[in-house]
Amino acid sequence: MAYTALTYGSLLAWISVMRSVESQFALGPPYNLSAAGVGLLNLAPFIGMLIATLIFLASGILLILMFSALSDLSHTSETKGAYPLFTAIHWIAVATSTRVGRLDTNT
C-alpha cells in the first residue's frame, strides 16, 4: 500500500512540474502560444486518462471474475494471496519483448 501511495504521489508531482514548466516555455518564443493554445496541450493527456480509466475499470472486473474462478477451482470460498501473481505473468513477455527489441536497434 505504501508503494502505491508513493508511486501515485510522485507521478502527480511530476505531472504538476511538467504542466508548470510547459506553460512557461510555450508562451514565449519560438512557440508563442496563447493561453488557449497552452490549455489545448493538456487535452491529449485528458483524453488518454479517460481511455485508461475505462481500461482499468474493465480489467478490474476481469480480475474479480478470474479470482472467483480460481477460488472455485480450489474449492474454497476465499481468494488466496498468490492469485494476483497470475495476472502479472503477461508482463514478463512484455518486458522480454521490449528488451529484445532494444537489442536489435543497433544493427
C-alpha atoms as a PDB file:
ATOM      1  CA  MET A   1       0.000   0.000   0.000  1.00  0.00           C
ATOM      2  CA  ALA A   2       2.854   2.387   0.771  1.00  0.00           C
ATOM      3  CA  TYR A   3       4.445   1.652  -2.615  1.00  0.00           C
ATOM      4  CA  THR A   4       1.196   2.504  -4.371  1.00  0.00           C
ATOM      5  CA  ALA A   5       0.831   5.749  -2.447  1.00  0.00           C
ATOM      6  CA  LEU A   6       4.451   6.696  -3.118  1.00  0.00           C
ATOM      7  CA  THR A   7       4.161   5.930  -6.827  1.00  0.00           C
ATOM      8  CA  TYR A   8       0.879   7.787  -7.195  1.00  0.00           C
ATOM      9  CA  GLY A   9       2.157  10.810  -5.282  1.00  0.00           C
ATOM     10  CA  SER A  10       5.398  11.021  -7.236  1.00  0.00           C
ATOM     11  CA  LEU A  11       3.578  10.735 -10.558  1.00  0.00           C
ATOM     12  CA  LEU A  12       1.195  13.516  -9.588  1.00  0.00           C
ATOM     13  CA  ALA A  13       4.128  15.671  -8.515  1.00  0.00           C
ATOM     14  CA  TRP A  14       5.917  15.165 -11.833  1.00  0.00           C
ATOM     15  CA  ILE A  15       2.754  15.909 -13.795  1.00  0.00           C
ATOM     16  CA  SER A  16       2.405  19.141 -11.848  1.00  0.00           C
ATOM     17  CA  VAL A  17       6.029  20.065 -12.553  1.00  0.00           C
ATOM     18  CA  MET A  18       5.652  19.303 -16.262  1.00  0.00           C
ATOM     19  CA  ARG A  19       2.499  21.401 -16.559  1.00  0.00           C
ATOM     20  CA  SER A  20       4.036  24.415 -14.851  1.00  0.00           C
ATOM     21  CA  VAL A  21       7.210  24.232 -16.952  1.00  0.00           C
ATOM     22  CA  GLU A  22       5.162  23.656 -20.101  1.00  0.00           C
ATOM     23  CA  SER A  23       3.139  26.806 -19.535  1.00  0.00           C
ATOM     24  CA  GLN A  24       6.297  28.889 -19.069  1.00  0.00           C
ATOM     25  CA  PHE A  25       8.031  27.635 -22.206  1.00  0.00           C
ATOM     26  CA  ALA A  26       5.013  27.521 -24.506  1.00  0.00           C
ATOM     27  CA  LEU A  27       4.074  31.183 -24.016  1.00  0.00           C
ATOM     28  CA  GLY A  28       7.443  32.515 -25.164  1.00  0.00           C
ATOM     29  CA  PRO A  29       9.402  32.235 -28.391  1.00  0.00           C
ATOM     30  CA  PRO A  30       9.710  30.092 -30.514  1.00  0.00           C
ATOM     31  CA  TYR A  31       6.259  28.670 -29.702  1.00  0.00           C
ATOM     32  CA  ASN A  32       4.329  31.883 -28.898  1.00  0.00           C
ATOM     33  CA  LEU A  33       1.169  30.025 -27.949  1.00  0.00           C
ATOM     34  CA  SER A  34      -1.780  31.839 -26.466  1.00  0.00           C
ATOM     35  CA  ALA A  35      -3.305  30.813 -23.156  1.00  0.00           C
ATOM     36  CA  ALA A  36      -5.904  28.809 -25.085  1.00  0.00           C
ATOM     37  CA  GLY A  37      -3.135  27.038 -27.018  1.00  0.00           C
ATOM     38  CA  VAL A  38      -1.367  26.073 -23.808  1.00  0.00           C
ATOM     39  CA  GLY A  39      -4.667  24.780 -22.463  1.00  0.00           C
ATOM     40  CA  LEU A  40      -5.162  22.658 -25.576  1.00  0.00           C
ATOM     41  CA  LEU A  41      -1.811  20.992 -24.909  1.00  0.00           C
ATOM     42  CA  ASN A  42      -3.486  19.351 -21.917  1.00  0.00           C
ATOM     43  CA  LEU A  43      -6.357  17.958 -23.986  1.00  0.00           C
ATOM     44  CA  ALA A  44      -4.478  14.870 -25.213  1.00  0.00           C
ATOM     45  CA  PRO A  45      -3.439  13.703 -21.715  1.00  0.00           C
ATOM     46  CA  PHE A  46      -7.013  14.224 -20.545  1.00  0.00           C
ATOM     47  CA  ILE A  47      -8.393  12.024 -23.331  1.00  0.00           C
ATOM     48  CA  GLY A  48      -5.702   9.422 -22.631  1.00  0.00           C
ATOM     49  CA  MET A  49      -6.637   9.446 -18.955  1.00  0.00           C
ATOM     50  CA  LEU A  50     -10.282   8.823 -19.816  1.00  0.00           C
ATOM     51  CA  ILE A  51      -9.374   5.878 -22.044  1.00  0.00           C
ATOM     52  CA  ALA A  52      -7.021   4.456 -19.389  1.00  0.00           C
ATOM     53  CA  THR A  53      -9.746   4.777 -16.764  1.00  0.00           C
ATOM     54  CA  LEU A  54     -12.118   2.728 -18.893  1.00  0.00           C
ATOM     55  CA  ILE A  55      -9.438   0.098 -19.495  1.00  0.00           C
ATOM     56  CA  PHE A  56      -8.587  -0.129 -15.794  1.00  0.00           C
ATOM     57  CA  LEU A  57     -12.250  -0.454 -14.851  1.00  0.00           C
ATOM     58  CA  ALA A  58     -12.698  -3.279 -17.351  1.00  0.00           C
ATOM     59  CA  SER A  59      -9.519  -5.009 -16.194  1.00  0.00           C
ATOM     60  CA  GLY A  60     -10.648  -4.762 -12.565  1.00  0.00           C
ATOM     61  CA  ILE A  61     -13.893  -6.500 -13.411  1.00  0.00           C
ATOM     62  CA  LEU A  62     -11.980  -9.192 -15.303  1.00  0.00           C
ATOM     63  CA  LEU A  63      -9.639  -9.689 -12.343  1.00  0.00           C
ATOM     64  CA  ILE A  64     -12.555 -10.167  -9.977  1.00  0.00           C
ATOM     65  CA  LEU A  65     -14.035 -12.768 -12.325  1.00  0.00           C
ATOM     66  CA  MET A  66     -10.685 -14.527 -12.649  1.00  0.00           C
ATOM     67  CA  PHE A  67     -10.089 -14.603  -8.886  1.00  0.00           C
ATOM     68  CA  SER A  68     -13.546 -16.031  -8.271  1.00  0.00           C
ATOM     69  CA  ALA A  69     -12.945 -18.681 -10.942  1.00  0.00           C
ATOM     70  CA  LEU A  70      -9.619 -19.608  -9.341  1.00  0.00           C
ATOM     71  CA  SER A  71     -11.218 -19.873  -5.911  1.00  0.00           C
ATOM     72  CA  ASP A  72     -13.921 -22.108  -7.416  1.00  0.00           C
ATOM     73  CA  LEU A  73     -11.217 -24.356  -8.867  1.00  0.00           C
ATOM     74  CA  SER A  74      -9.562 -24.749  -5.486  1.00  0.00           C
ATOM     75  CA  HIS A  75     -12.951 -25.453  -3.852  1.00  0.00           C
ATOM     76  CA  THR A  76     -12.633 -22.644  -1.312  1.00  0.00           C
ATOM     77  CA  SER A  77     -14.690 -19.534  -0.794  1.00  0.00           C
ATOM     78  CA  GLU A  78     -11.696 -17.296  -0.167  1.00  0.00           C
ATOM     79  CA  THR A  79      -9.139 -15.926  -2.567  1.00  0.00           C
ATOM     80  CA  LYS A  80      -5.512 -16.665  -1.849  1.00  0.00           C
ATOM     81  CA  GLY A  81      -2.633 -14.235  -1.864  1.00  0.00           C
ATOM     82  CA  ALA A  82      -0.975 -15.900  -4.855  1.00  0.00           C
ATOM     83  CA  TYR A  83      -3.875 -15.249  -7.218  1.00  0.00           C
ATOM     84  CA  PRO A  84      -2.685 -11.761  -8.256  1.00  0.00           C
ATOM     85  CA  LEU A  85       0.587 -13.335  -9.397  1.00  0.00           C
ATOM     86  CA  PHE A  86      -1.272 -14.962 -12.281  1.00  0.00           C
ATOM     87  CA  THR A  87      -2.183 -11.521 -13.579  1.00  0.00           C
ATOM     88  CA  ALA A  88       1.482 -10.462 -13.682  1.00  0.00           C
ATOM     89  CA  ILE A  89       2.635 -13.261 -15.977  1.00  0.00           C
ATOM     90  CA  HIS A  90       1.981 -11.321 -19.180  1.00  0.00           C
ATOM     91  CA  TRP A  91       4.330  -8.544 -18.005  1.00  0.00           C
ATOM     92  CA  ILE A  92       7.230 -10.982 -18.284  1.00  0.00           C
ATOM     93  CA  ALA A  93       6.504 -11.304 -22.005  1.00  0.00           C
ATOM     94  CA  VAL A  94       6.149  -7.543 -22.372  1.00  0.00           C
ATOM     95  CA  ALA A  95       9.447  -6.854 -20.590  1.00  0.00           C
ATOM     96  CA  THR A  96      11.259  -9.557 -22.553  1.00  0.00           C
ATOM     97  CA  SER A  97       9.983  -8.386 -25.933  1.00  0.00           C
ATOM     98  CA  THR A  98      10.865  -4.785 -25.111  1.00  0.00           C
ATOM     99  CA  ARG A  99      14.411  -5.757 -24.183  1.00  0.00           C
ATOM    100  CA  VAL A 100      14.860  -7.874 -27.311  1.00  0.00           C
ATOM    101  CA  GLY A 101      13.554  -5.015 -29.445  1.00  0.00           C
ATOM    102  CA  ARG A 102      16.128  -2.652 -27.961  1.00  0.00           C
ATOM    103  CA  LEU A 103      18.948  -5.070 -28.714  1.00  0.00           C
ATOM    104  CA  ASP A 104      18.002  -5.160 -32.390  1.00  0.00           C
ATOM    105  CA  THR A 105      18.128  -1.379 -32.895  1.00  0.00           C
ATOM    106  CA  ASN A 106      21.930  -1.301 -33.223  1.00  0.00           C
ATOM    107  CA  THR A 107      22.012  -3.409 -36.380  1.00  0.00           C
END
